[in-house]
Amino acid sequence: MSGQPGYQRGDRIALDYTADPHTRLQPGDEGTVISYDPRHGQLNVRWDSGSTLAMLLADGDRVRLITPAPEQPGPQGDEP
């Protein structure tokens, strides 16, 4: 989806809006991105509350980035 920011594993996000009537998540709830599928606009999140509800960004769910994922060491590992 054009206009959607990219997300990566480990990003910390907060919920702004979801129309899912079956969730107890509320705006402001925070979680950690597990994976992101930009083709389908699906953001898989491990919410701090224990929920693993996926956000469907293509269907109107909205989240905001709080903290980007920490940078991971390259394939060589730590520098000497």
C-alpha atoms as a PDB file:
ATOM      1  CA  MET A   1       0.000   0.000   0.000  1.00  0.00           C
ATOM      2  CA  SER A   2       1.378   3.295  -0.954  1.00  0.00           C
ATOM      3  CA  GLY A   3       1.623   5.848   1.839  1.00  0.00           C
ATOM      4  CA  GLN A   4       1.978   3.268   4.610  1.00  0.00           C
ATOM      5  CA  PRO A   5       5.184   3.484   6.606  1.00  0.00           C
ATOM      6  CA  GLY A   6       7.396   0.422   6.708  1.00  0.00           C
ATOM      7  CA  TYR A   7       7.635  -1.486   9.966  1.00  0.00           C
ATOM      8  CA  GLN A   8      10.231  -3.966  11.078  1.00  0.00           C
ATOM      9  CA  ARG A   9      10.470  -6.631  13.742  1.00  0.00           C
ATOM     10  CA  GLY A  10      11.183  -5.056  17.115  1.00  0.00           C
ATOM     11  CA  ASP A  11       9.593  -1.650  16.423  1.00  0.00           C
ATOM     12  CA  ARG A  12       7.566  -0.384  19.376  1.00  0.00           C
ATOM     13  CA  ILE A  13       4.161   0.936  18.390  1.00  0.00           C
ATOM     14  CA  ALA A  14       0.997   2.311  19.991  1.00  0.00           C
ATOM     15  CA  LEU A  15      -2.558   1.698  18.877  1.00  0.00           C
ATOM     16  CA  ASP A  16      -4.401   4.746  17.574  1.00  0.00           C
ATOM     17  CA  TYR A  17      -7.549   3.029  16.238  1.00  0.00           C
ATOM     18  CA  THR A  18      -9.080  -0.361  15.467  1.00  0.00           C
ATOM     19  CA  ALA A  19     -12.652  -1.163  14.465  1.00  0.00           C
ATOM     20  CA  ASP A  20     -12.314  -4.774  15.685  1.00  0.00           C
ATOM     21  CA  PRO A  21     -15.332  -5.295  17.973  1.00  0.00           C
ATOM     22  CA  HIS A  22     -13.806  -8.389  19.598  1.00  0.00           C
ATOM     23  CA  THR A  23     -10.646  -6.864  21.050  1.00  0.00           C
ATOM     24  CA  ARG A  24     -10.037  -5.340  24.450  1.00  0.00           C
ATOM     25  CA  LEU A  25      -7.208  -3.226  23.047  1.00  0.00           C
ATOM     26  CA  GLN A  26      -7.677   0.497  23.564  1.00  0.00           C
ATOM     27  CA  PRO A  27      -6.089   3.524  21.893  1.00  0.00           C
ATOM     28  CA  GLY A  28      -2.692   4.111  23.481  1.00  0.00           C
ATOM     29  CA  ASP A  29      -1.996   0.420  24.152  1.00  0.00           C
ATOM     30  CA  GLU A  30       1.577  -0.470  23.214  1.00  0.00           C
ATOM     31  CA  GLY A  31       3.223  -3.466  21.635  1.00  0.00           C
ATOM     32  CA  THR A  32       6.168  -4.817  19.663  1.00  0.00           C
ATOM     33  CA  VAL A  33       6.064  -5.598  15.945  1.00  0.00           C
ATOM     34  CA  ILE A  34       6.558  -9.279  15.173  1.00  0.00           C
ATOM     35  CA  SER A  35       6.298  -8.926  11.382  1.00  0.00           C
ATOM     36  CA  TYR A  36       4.863  -6.716   8.680  1.00  0.00           C
ATOM     37  CA  ASP A  37       3.378  -7.725   5.332  1.00  0.00           C
ATOM     38  CA  PRO A  38       3.140  -4.539   3.244  1.00  0.00           C
ATOM     39  CA  ARG A  39       1.408  -6.383   0.375  1.00  0.00           C
ATOM     40  CA  HIS A  40      -1.608  -7.021   2.584  1.00  0.00           C
ATOM     41  CA  GLY A  41      -1.135  -4.153   5.024  1.00  0.00           C
ATOM     42  CA  GLN A  42      -0.988  -6.643   7.907  1.00  0.00           C
ATOM     43  CA  LEU A  43       1.064  -5.754  10.970  1.00  0.00           C
ATOM     44  CA  ASN A  44       1.545  -8.610  13.436  1.00  0.00           C
ATOM     45  CA  VAL A  45       2.024  -7.286  16.956  1.00  0.00           C
ATOM     46  CA  ARG A  46       2.749  -8.767  20.381  1.00  0.00           C
ATOM     47  CA  TRP A  47       0.809  -6.354  22.571  1.00  0.00           C
ATOM     48  CA  ASP A  48       2.046  -5.685  26.106  1.00  0.00           C
ATOM     49  CA  SER A  49      -1.384  -6.835  27.372  1.00  0.00           C
ATOM     50  CA  GLY A  50      -0.665 -10.335  26.034  1.00  0.00           C
ATOM     51  CA  SER A  51      -2.848 -10.002  22.924  1.00  0.00           C
ATOM     52  CA  THR A  52      -1.384 -10.943  19.546  1.00  0.00           C
ATOM     53  CA  LEU A  53      -4.050  -9.215  17.442  1.00  0.00           C
ATOM     54  CA  ALA A  54      -2.800  -8.293  13.979  1.00  0.00           C
ATOM     55  CA  MET A  55      -3.481  -4.773  12.753  1.00  0.00           C
ATOM     56  CA  LEU A  56      -5.013  -4.563   9.284  1.00  0.00           C
ATOM     57  CA  LEU A  57      -3.633  -1.244   8.121  1.00  0.00           C
ATOM     58  CA  ALA A  58      -5.192  -1.683   4.679  1.00  0.00           C
ATOM     59  CA  ASP A  59      -8.618  -1.935   6.354  1.00  0.00           C
ATOM     60  CA  GLY A  60      -8.317   1.193   8.486  1.00  0.00           C
ATOM     61  CA  ASP A  61      -6.512   0.102  11.661  1.00  0.00           C
ATOM     62  CA  ARG A  62      -4.056   2.808  12.724  1.00  0.00           C
ATOM     63  CA  VAL A  63      -0.900   2.631  14.818  1.00  0.00           C
ATOM     64  CA  ARG A  64       1.992   4.983  15.406  1.00  0.00           C
ATOM     65  CA  LEU A  65       5.674   4.257  15.820  1.00  0.00           C
ATOM     66  CA  ILE A  66       7.011   4.943  19.321  1.00  0.00           C
ATOM     67  CA  THR A  67      10.544   3.550  19.114  1.00  0.00           C
ATOM     68  CA  PRO A  68      12.282   2.009  16.094  1.00  0.00           C
ATOM     69  CA  ALA A  69      13.788  -1.443  16.525  1.00  0.00           C
ATOM     70  CA  PRO A  70      17.363  -1.467  17.780  1.00  0.00           C
ATOM     71  CA  GLU A  71      19.877  -1.985  15.016  1.00  0.00           C
ATOM     72  CA  GLN A  72      21.018  -5.566  14.736  1.00  0.00           C
ATOM     73  CA  PRO A  73      24.675  -6.503  14.217  1.00  0.00           C
ATOM     74  CA  GLY A  74      25.548  -7.510  10.683  1.00  0.00           C
ATOM     75  CA  PRO A  75      26.282 -11.087   9.620  1.00  0.00           C
ATOM     76  CA  GLN A  76      29.873 -10.707  10.807  1.00  0.00           C
ATOM     77  CA  GLY A  77      28.703 -10.199  14.397  1.00  0.00           C
ATOM     78  CA  ASP A  78      30.383  -7.732  16.727  1.00  0.00           C
ATOM     79  CA  GLU A  79      33.357  -5.766  15.482  1.00  0.00           C
ATOM     80  CA  PRO A  80      36.752  -6.680  17.011  1.00  0.00           C
END
